[in-house]
Amino acid sequence: MITVTQTNSSFPQVEDDATEYFDLAQQAGTTYFINRVSDGDMSFRTNSTERLVIKSDGDVGIGTGNPESLFHVKTSDSSVDM
């Protein structure tokens, strides 16, 4: 079960248990961010298809769930590593 809770801080958390959750709109000074508290990947999907992934090591993949470099873009024709 996924729940959205309000913590003692001013930002909500989305969680599925006590160790797996995201802080939403957490503030550090004038910067707001989404924070995955536990170790793991973040995936962004549309139409039930993964479009972008941020791996726990910081590698980013667009069009691929397994980036082979810091920034990996894959299209139907080819792929570009940066």
C-alpha atoms as a PDB file:
ATOM      1  CA  MET A   1       0.000   0.000   0.000  1.00  0.00           C
ATOM      2  CA  ILE A   2       1.337   3.418  -0.918  1.00  0.00           C
ATOM      3  CA  THR A   3       0.528   6.300   1.376  1.00  0.00           C
ATOM      4  CA  VAL A   4       1.181  10.022   1.320  1.00  0.00           C
ATOM      5  CA  THR A   5       2.012  11.366   4.743  1.00  0.00           C
ATOM      6  CA  GLN A   6       2.894  14.726   6.206  1.00  0.00           C
ATOM      7  CA  THR A   7       6.018  14.469   8.328  1.00  0.00           C
ATOM      8  CA  ASN A   8       7.212  16.796  11.049  1.00  0.00           C
ATOM      9  CA  SER A   9       8.791  18.807   8.256  1.00  0.00           C
ATOM     10  CA  SER A  10       6.809  20.950   5.839  1.00  0.00           C
ATOM     11  CA  PHE A  11       7.001  18.454   2.961  1.00  0.00           C
ATOM     12  CA  PRO A  12       4.976  15.310   2.255  1.00  0.00           C
ATOM     13  CA  GLN A  13       6.382  11.804   1.881  1.00  0.00           C
ATOM     14  CA  VAL A  14       5.209   9.053  -0.455  1.00  0.00           C
ATOM     15  CA  GLU A  15       5.940   5.692   1.115  1.00  0.00           C
ATOM     16  CA  ASP A  16       5.158   1.997   0.809  1.00  0.00           C
ATOM     17  CA  ASP A  17       6.800   1.055   4.112  1.00  0.00           C
ATOM     18  CA  ALA A  18       9.049   2.623   6.723  1.00  0.00           C
ATOM     19  CA  THR A  19      12.255   2.216   4.673  1.00  0.00           C
ATOM     20  CA  GLU A  20      11.082   2.931   1.105  1.00  0.00           C
ATOM     21  CA  TYR A  21       9.891   6.481   0.598  1.00  0.00           C
ATOM     22  CA  PHE A  22      10.364   9.716  -1.286  1.00  0.00           C
ATOM     23  CA  ASP A  23      10.420  13.194   0.175  1.00  0.00           C
ATOM     24  CA  LEU A  24       8.512  15.528  -2.136  1.00  0.00           C
ATOM     25  CA  ALA A  25       9.476  19.176  -2.505  1.00  0.00           C
ATOM     26  CA  GLN A  26      12.006  19.057   0.300  1.00  0.00           C
ATOM     27  CA  GLN A  27      13.771  22.370   0.709  1.00  0.00           C
ATOM     28  CA  ALA A  28      17.468  23.046   1.239  1.00  0.00           C
ATOM     29  CA  GLY A  29      17.832  26.807   1.344  1.00  0.00           C
ATOM     30  CA  THR A  30      16.218  28.095  -1.862  1.00  0.00           C
ATOM     31  CA  THR A  31      16.428  24.742  -3.673  1.00  0.00           C
ATOM     32  CA  TYR A  32      13.542  22.286  -3.825  1.00  0.00           C
ATOM     33  CA  PHE A  33      14.072  18.645  -4.733  1.00  0.00           C
ATOM     34  CA  ILE A  34      12.636  15.127  -4.767  1.00  0.00           C
ATOM     35  CA  ASN A  35      14.676  12.842  -2.557  1.00  0.00           C
ATOM     36  CA  ARG A  36      14.712   9.041  -2.700  1.00  0.00           C
ATOM     37  CA  VAL A  37      15.715   8.203   0.835  1.00  0.00           C
ATOM     38  CA  SER A  38      16.586   4.549   0.258  1.00  0.00           C
ATOM     39  CA  ASP A  39      19.116   3.167  -2.227  1.00  0.00           C
ATOM     40  CA  GLY A  40      17.561   2.413  -5.599  1.00  0.00           C
ATOM     41  CA  ASP A  41      16.678   3.729  -9.033  1.00  0.00           C
ATOM     42  CA  MET A  42      14.070   6.344  -9.978  1.00  0.00           C
ATOM     43  CA  SER A  43      12.025   5.676 -13.092  1.00  0.00           C
ATOM     44  CA  PHE A  44       9.743   8.020 -15.029  1.00  0.00           C
ATOM     45  CA  ARG A  45       7.089   6.401 -17.227  1.00  0.00           C
ATOM     46  CA  THR A  46       4.391   7.368 -19.683  1.00  0.00           C
ATOM     47  CA  ASN A  47       1.825   4.981 -21.137  1.00  0.00           C
ATOM     48  CA  SER A  48       3.288   2.251 -18.866  1.00  0.00           C
ATOM     49  CA  THR A  49       6.657   2.510 -20.631  1.00  0.00           C
ATOM     50  CA  GLU A  50       9.860   3.583 -18.925  1.00  0.00           C
ATOM     51  CA  ARG A  51      11.115   6.780 -20.591  1.00  0.00           C
ATOM     52  CA  LEU A  52      13.829   7.964 -18.218  1.00  0.00           C
ATOM     53  CA  VAL A  53      15.741   6.297 -15.409  1.00  0.00           C
ATOM     54  CA  ILE A  54      18.142   7.698 -12.842  1.00  0.00           C
ATOM     55  CA  LYS A  55      20.224   4.845 -11.464  1.00  0.00           C
ATOM     56  CA  SER A  56      21.362   4.819  -7.846  1.00  0.00           C
ATOM     57  CA  ASP A  57      24.944   5.441  -9.035  1.00  0.00           C
ATOM     58  CA  GLY A  58      23.854   8.654 -10.818  1.00  0.00           C
ATOM     59  CA  ASP A  59      23.823   7.359 -14.403  1.00  0.00           C
ATOM     60  CA  VAL A  60      20.872   8.680 -16.432  1.00  0.00           C
ATOM     61  CA  GLY A  61      19.205   6.788 -19.249  1.00  0.00           C
ATOM     62  CA  ILE A  62      16.672   8.128 -21.737  1.00  0.00           C
ATOM     63  CA  GLY A  63      15.128   5.405 -23.849  1.00  0.00           C
ATOM     64  CA  THR A  64      17.042   2.744 -21.918  1.00  0.00           C
ATOM     65  CA  GLY A  65      16.647   1.310 -18.445  1.00  0.00           C
ATOM     66  CA  ASN A  66      20.322   0.360 -18.259  1.00  0.00           C
ATOM     67  CA  PRO A  67      22.489   3.378 -19.057  1.00  0.00           C
ATOM     68  CA  GLU A  68      26.067   2.480 -19.939  1.00  0.00           C
ATOM     69  CA  SER A  69      27.529   5.878 -19.054  1.00  0.00           C
ATOM     70  CA  LEU A  70      26.758   9.005 -17.033  1.00  0.00           C
ATOM     71  CA  PHE A  71      24.230  10.135 -19.700  1.00  0.00           C
ATOM     72  CA  HIS A  72      22.976   7.560 -22.196  1.00  0.00           C
ATOM     73  CA  VAL A  73      20.324   8.366 -24.832  1.00  0.00           C
ATOM     74  CA  LYS A  74      18.910   5.536 -26.911  1.00  0.00           C
ATOM     75  CA  THR A  75      16.636   5.994 -29.911  1.00  0.00           C
ATOM     76  CA  SER A  76      15.164   3.462 -32.269  1.00  0.00           C
ATOM     77  CA  ASP A  77      18.027   4.195 -34.706  1.00  0.00           C
ATOM     78  CA  SER A  78      21.050   4.325 -32.427  1.00  0.00           C
ATOM     79  CA  SER A  79      22.334   5.308 -29.041  1.00  0.00           C
ATOM     80  CA  VAL A  80      24.451   8.180 -27.813  1.00  0.00           C
ATOM     81  CA  ASP A  81      26.681   7.974 -24.743  1.00  0.00           C
ATOM     82  CA  MET A  82      28.033  11.111 -23.085  1.00  0.00           C
END
